[in-house]
Amino acid sequence: MAQARIFADFADAAADGCLRLSARATADDVRRLGVQLRPGLVLALSDGQRMALAQVIDCEACGARHARLLSEPAALELR
C-alpha cells in the first residue's frame, strides 16, 4: 500500500529552517486525508518531484505549524 503524501513547498522554509505547512495545496491534502496536524506527527511530504519525511512541530513565535525535515528530499521515481 502506498503511503499518502501531503504537498509541501521545499523552497518555503521558515527562519528556523523548518518547512511551513501553510500552502493551499497542503491544506487541501490535509483536509482530504483527514489528517490532524499535531506536534510529533511524522508526514511524507512531496512537491510532486521530490519526497521527504518530516515531523510536525509548533512554532510559537509564528503561531503556525511547521515541519522539521527528517530526511533530505529525494527524487520520486515516476512510472
N, C-alpha and C. Protein backbone atom coordinates (compact mmCIF):
# COMPACT_ATOMS: atom_id res chain seq x y z
N MET A 1 0.84 -1.19 0.00
CA MET A 1 0.00 0.00 0.00
C MET A 1 0.89 1.25 0.00
N ALA A 2 0.60 2.19 -0.86
CA ALA A 2 1.37 3.42 -0.97
C ALA A 2 1.07 4.34 0.21
N GLN A 3 2.09 5.05 0.66
CA GLN A 3 1.91 5.99 1.76
C GLN A 3 1.32 7.29 1.20
N ALA A 4 0.35 7.84 1.92
CA ALA A 4 -0.26 9.09 1.50
C ALA A 4 0.76 10.21 1.63
N ARG A 5 0.80 11.08 0.64
CA ARG A 5 1.73 12.20 0.64
C ARG A 5 0.96 13.50 0.76
N ILE A 6 1.57 14.43 1.46
CA ILE A 6 0.99 15.76 1.63
C ILE A 6 1.91 16.74 0.93
N PHE A 7 1.31 17.67 0.18
CA PHE A 7 2.09 18.65 -0.56
C PHE A 7 2.88 19.54 0.40
N ALA A 8 4.10 19.85 0.01
CA ALA A 8 4.92 20.84 0.71
C ALA A 8 5.81 21.53 -0.31
N ASP A 9 5.99 22.81 -0.12
CA ASP A 9 6.89 23.59 -0.95
C ASP A 9 8.26 23.59 -0.27
N PHE A 10 9.20 22.78 -0.77
CA PHE A 10 10.50 22.66 -0.13
C PHE A 10 11.30 23.95 -0.15
N ALA A 11 10.91 24.90 -0.97
CA ALA A 11 11.60 26.19 -1.02
C ALA A 11 11.04 27.19 0.00
N ASP A 12 9.93 26.84 0.66
CA ASP A 12 9.26 27.75 1.60
C ASP A 12 9.66 27.44 3.04
N ALA A 13 10.92 27.69 3.34
CA ALA A 13 11.41 27.42 4.70
C ALA A 13 11.23 28.65 5.58
N ALA A 14 10.93 28.41 6.84
CA ALA A 14 10.79 29.48 7.83
C ALA A 14 12.18 29.85 8.34
N ALA A 15 12.24 30.89 9.16
CA ALA A 15 13.52 31.35 9.70
C ALA A 15 14.22 30.26 10.51
N ASP A 16 13.45 29.36 11.11
CA ASP A 16 14.05 28.29 11.92
C ASP A 16 14.51 27.10 11.08
N GLY A 17 14.37 27.22 9.74
CA GLY A 17 14.81 26.16 8.84
C GLY A 17 13.76 25.10 8.57
N CYS A 18 12.64 25.18 9.23
CA CYS A 18 11.56 24.21 9.02
C CYS A 18 10.68 24.63 7.85
N LEU A 19 9.96 23.67 7.30
CA LEU A 19 9.03 23.97 6.21
C LEU A 19 7.72 24.47 6.78
N ARG A 20 7.17 25.48 6.14
CA ARG A 20 5.84 25.97 6.51
C ARG A 20 4.79 25.01 5.95
N LEU A 21 3.76 24.75 6.71
CA LEU A 21 2.66 23.89 6.27
C LEU A 21 1.42 24.74 6.00
N SER A 22 1.63 25.88 5.33
CA SER A 22 0.54 26.83 5.13
C SER A 22 0.11 26.99 3.67
N ALA A 23 0.71 26.26 2.76
CA ALA A 23 0.32 26.36 1.35
C ALA A 23 -1.10 25.84 1.16
N ARG A 24 -1.81 26.42 0.23
CA ARG A 24 -3.19 25.98 -0.02
C ARG A 24 -3.25 24.49 -0.38
N ALA A 25 -2.32 24.03 -1.22
CA ALA A 25 -2.30 22.62 -1.61
C ALA A 25 -2.05 21.72 -0.39
N THR A 26 -1.25 22.21 0.57
CA THR A 26 -1.01 21.45 1.80
C THR A 26 -2.32 21.34 2.59
N ALA A 27 -3.00 22.46 2.76
CA ALA A 27 -4.28 22.46 3.50
C ALA A 27 -5.30 21.57 2.81
N ASP A 28 -5.33 21.59 1.49
CA ASP A 28 -6.26 20.73 0.74
C ASP A 28 -5.96 19.25 0.99
N ASP A 29 -4.67 18.87 0.95
CA ASP A 29 -4.30 17.47 1.19
C ASP A 29 -4.62 17.04 2.62
N VAL A 30 -4.31 17.91 3.59
CA VAL A 30 -4.60 17.60 5.00
C VAL A 30 -6.09 17.37 5.20
N ARG A 31 -6.90 18.23 4.62
CA ARG A 31 -8.36 18.10 4.74
C ARG A 31 -8.85 16.84 4.03
N ARG A 32 -8.37 16.60 2.82
CA ARG A 32 -8.80 15.44 2.04
C ARG A 32 -8.45 14.13 2.73
N LEU A 33 -7.27 14.09 3.37
CA LEU A 33 -6.82 12.87 4.04
C LEU A 33 -7.32 12.75 5.48
N GLY A 34 -7.93 13.81 6.00
CA GLY A 34 -8.43 13.79 7.37
C GLY A 34 -7.34 13.77 8.42
N VAL A 35 -6.20 14.39 8.09
CA VAL A 35 -5.05 14.42 9.00
C VAL A 35 -5.20 15.58 9.98
N GLN A 36 -4.86 15.34 11.24
CA GLN A 36 -4.81 16.41 12.23
C GLN A 36 -3.34 16.73 12.48
N LEU A 37 -2.93 17.94 12.11
CA LEU A 37 -1.53 18.34 12.30
C LEU A 37 -1.30 18.60 13.78
N ARG A 38 -0.51 17.73 14.39
CA ARG A 38 -0.20 17.88 15.80
C ARG A 38 1.29 17.64 15.99
N PRO A 39 1.90 18.30 16.97
CA PRO A 39 3.33 18.13 17.19
C PRO A 39 3.69 16.65 17.37
N GLY A 40 4.77 16.26 16.68
CA GLY A 40 5.25 14.89 16.76
C GLY A 40 4.80 14.00 15.61
N LEU A 41 3.76 14.40 14.90
CA LEU A 41 3.25 13.60 13.78
C LEU A 41 4.29 13.58 12.66
N VAL A 42 4.59 12.40 12.14
CA VAL A 42 5.52 12.26 11.02
C VAL A 42 4.72 12.15 9.73
N LEU A 43 5.12 12.96 8.74
CA LEU A 43 4.42 13.04 7.46
C LEU A 43 5.36 12.73 6.31
N ALA A 44 4.81 12.22 5.23
CA ALA A 44 5.52 12.12 3.96
C ALA A 44 5.12 13.35 3.15
N LEU A 45 6.08 14.24 2.92
CA LEU A 45 5.81 15.48 2.19
C LEU A 45 6.37 15.37 0.78
N SER A 46 5.66 15.96 -0.18
CA SER A 46 6.10 15.90 -1.56
C SER A 46 5.70 17.18 -2.30
N ASP A 47 6.56 17.58 -3.23
CA ASP A 47 6.22 18.70 -4.11
C ASP A 47 5.87 18.20 -5.52
N GLY A 48 5.71 16.89 -5.64
CA GLY A 48 5.40 16.29 -6.93
C GLY A 48 6.62 15.73 -7.65
N GLN A 49 7.79 16.23 -7.29
CA GLN A 49 9.03 15.76 -7.89
C GLN A 49 9.95 15.11 -6.87
N ARG A 50 9.84 15.56 -5.63
CA ARG A 50 10.68 15.04 -4.55
C ARG A 50 9.81 14.69 -3.35
N MET A 51 10.33 13.84 -2.47
CA MET A 51 9.61 13.46 -1.27
C MET A 51 10.59 13.42 -0.10
N ALA A 52 10.09 13.76 1.10
CA ALA A 52 10.90 13.70 2.31
C ALA A 52 9.99 13.41 3.49
N LEU A 53 10.55 12.81 4.52
CA LEU A 53 9.83 12.63 5.77
C LEU A 53 10.09 13.84 6.64
N ALA A 54 9.06 14.26 7.38
CA ALA A 54 9.18 15.42 8.24
C ALA A 54 8.29 15.23 9.46
N GLN A 55 8.66 15.91 10.55
CA GLN A 55 7.88 15.83 11.79
C GLN A 55 7.27 17.19 12.09
N VAL A 56 5.98 17.19 12.37
CA VAL A 56 5.26 18.43 12.66
C VAL A 56 5.72 18.99 14.01
N ILE A 57 5.97 20.29 14.04
CA ILE A 57 6.32 20.98 15.28
C ILE A 57 5.47 22.24 15.38
N ASP A 58 5.34 22.76 16.59
CA ASP A 58 4.69 24.05 16.79
C ASP A 58 5.74 25.13 16.66
N CYS A 59 5.38 26.23 16.08
CA CYS A 59 6.27 27.38 16.00
C CYS A 59 5.56 28.50 16.75
N GLU A 60 5.81 28.58 18.04
CA GLU A 60 5.10 29.55 18.87
C GLU A 60 5.38 30.99 18.45
N ALA A 61 6.58 31.25 17.96
CA ALA A 61 6.92 32.62 17.56
C ALA A 61 6.06 33.07 16.39
N CYS A 62 5.71 32.13 15.50
CA CYS A 62 4.92 32.47 14.31
C CYS A 62 3.45 32.12 14.47
N GLY A 63 3.12 31.32 15.48
CA GLY A 63 1.73 30.90 15.66
C GLY A 63 1.27 29.98 14.54
N ALA A 64 2.18 29.17 14.01
CA ALA A 64 1.85 28.31 12.87
C ALA A 64 2.45 26.93 13.07
N ARG A 65 2.04 26.01 12.20
CA ARG A 65 2.62 24.67 12.21
C ARG A 65 3.71 24.61 11.15
N HIS A 66 4.82 24.05 11.54
CA HIS A 66 5.94 23.82 10.65
C HIS A 66 6.30 22.35 10.72
N ALA A 67 7.15 21.91 9.81
CA ALA A 67 7.62 20.53 9.82
C ALA A 67 9.14 20.53 9.69
N ARG A 68 9.78 19.82 10.60
CA ARG A 68 11.24 19.69 10.57
C ARG A 68 11.58 18.46 9.73
N LEU A 69 12.41 18.65 8.72
CA LEU A 69 12.77 17.54 7.85
C LEU A 69 13.54 16.47 8.62
N LEU A 70 13.15 15.22 8.41
CA LEU A 70 13.84 14.08 9.00
C LEU A 70 14.75 13.42 7.97
N SER A 71 14.55 13.76 6.71
CA SER A 71 15.38 13.25 5.62
C SER A 71 15.47 14.31 4.54
N GLU A 72 16.51 14.26 3.76
CA GLU A 72 16.65 15.18 2.63
C GLU A 72 15.63 14.80 1.55
N PRO A 73 15.05 15.79 0.88
CA PRO A 73 14.14 15.47 -0.22
C PRO A 73 14.84 14.63 -1.28
N ALA A 74 14.20 13.54 -1.67
CA ALA A 74 14.76 12.64 -2.68
C ALA A 74 13.83 12.62 -3.88
N ALA A 75 14.41 12.47 -5.06
CA ALA A 75 13.63 12.44 -6.30
C ALA A 75 12.66 11.26 -6.29
N LEU A 76 11.44 11.52 -6.74
CA LEU A 76 10.45 10.46 -6.86
C LEU A 76 10.69 9.71 -8.15
N GLU A 77 10.52 8.42 -8.10
CA GLU A 77 10.64 7.60 -9.29
C GLU A 77 9.27 7.54 -9.93
N LEU A 78 9.12 8.18 -11.08
CA LEU A 78 7.83 8.22 -11.76
C LEU A 78 7.70 7.04 -12.71
N ARG A 79 6.56 6.40 -12.67
CA ARG A 79 6.32 5.22 -13.52
C ARG A 79 5.27 5.52 -14.53
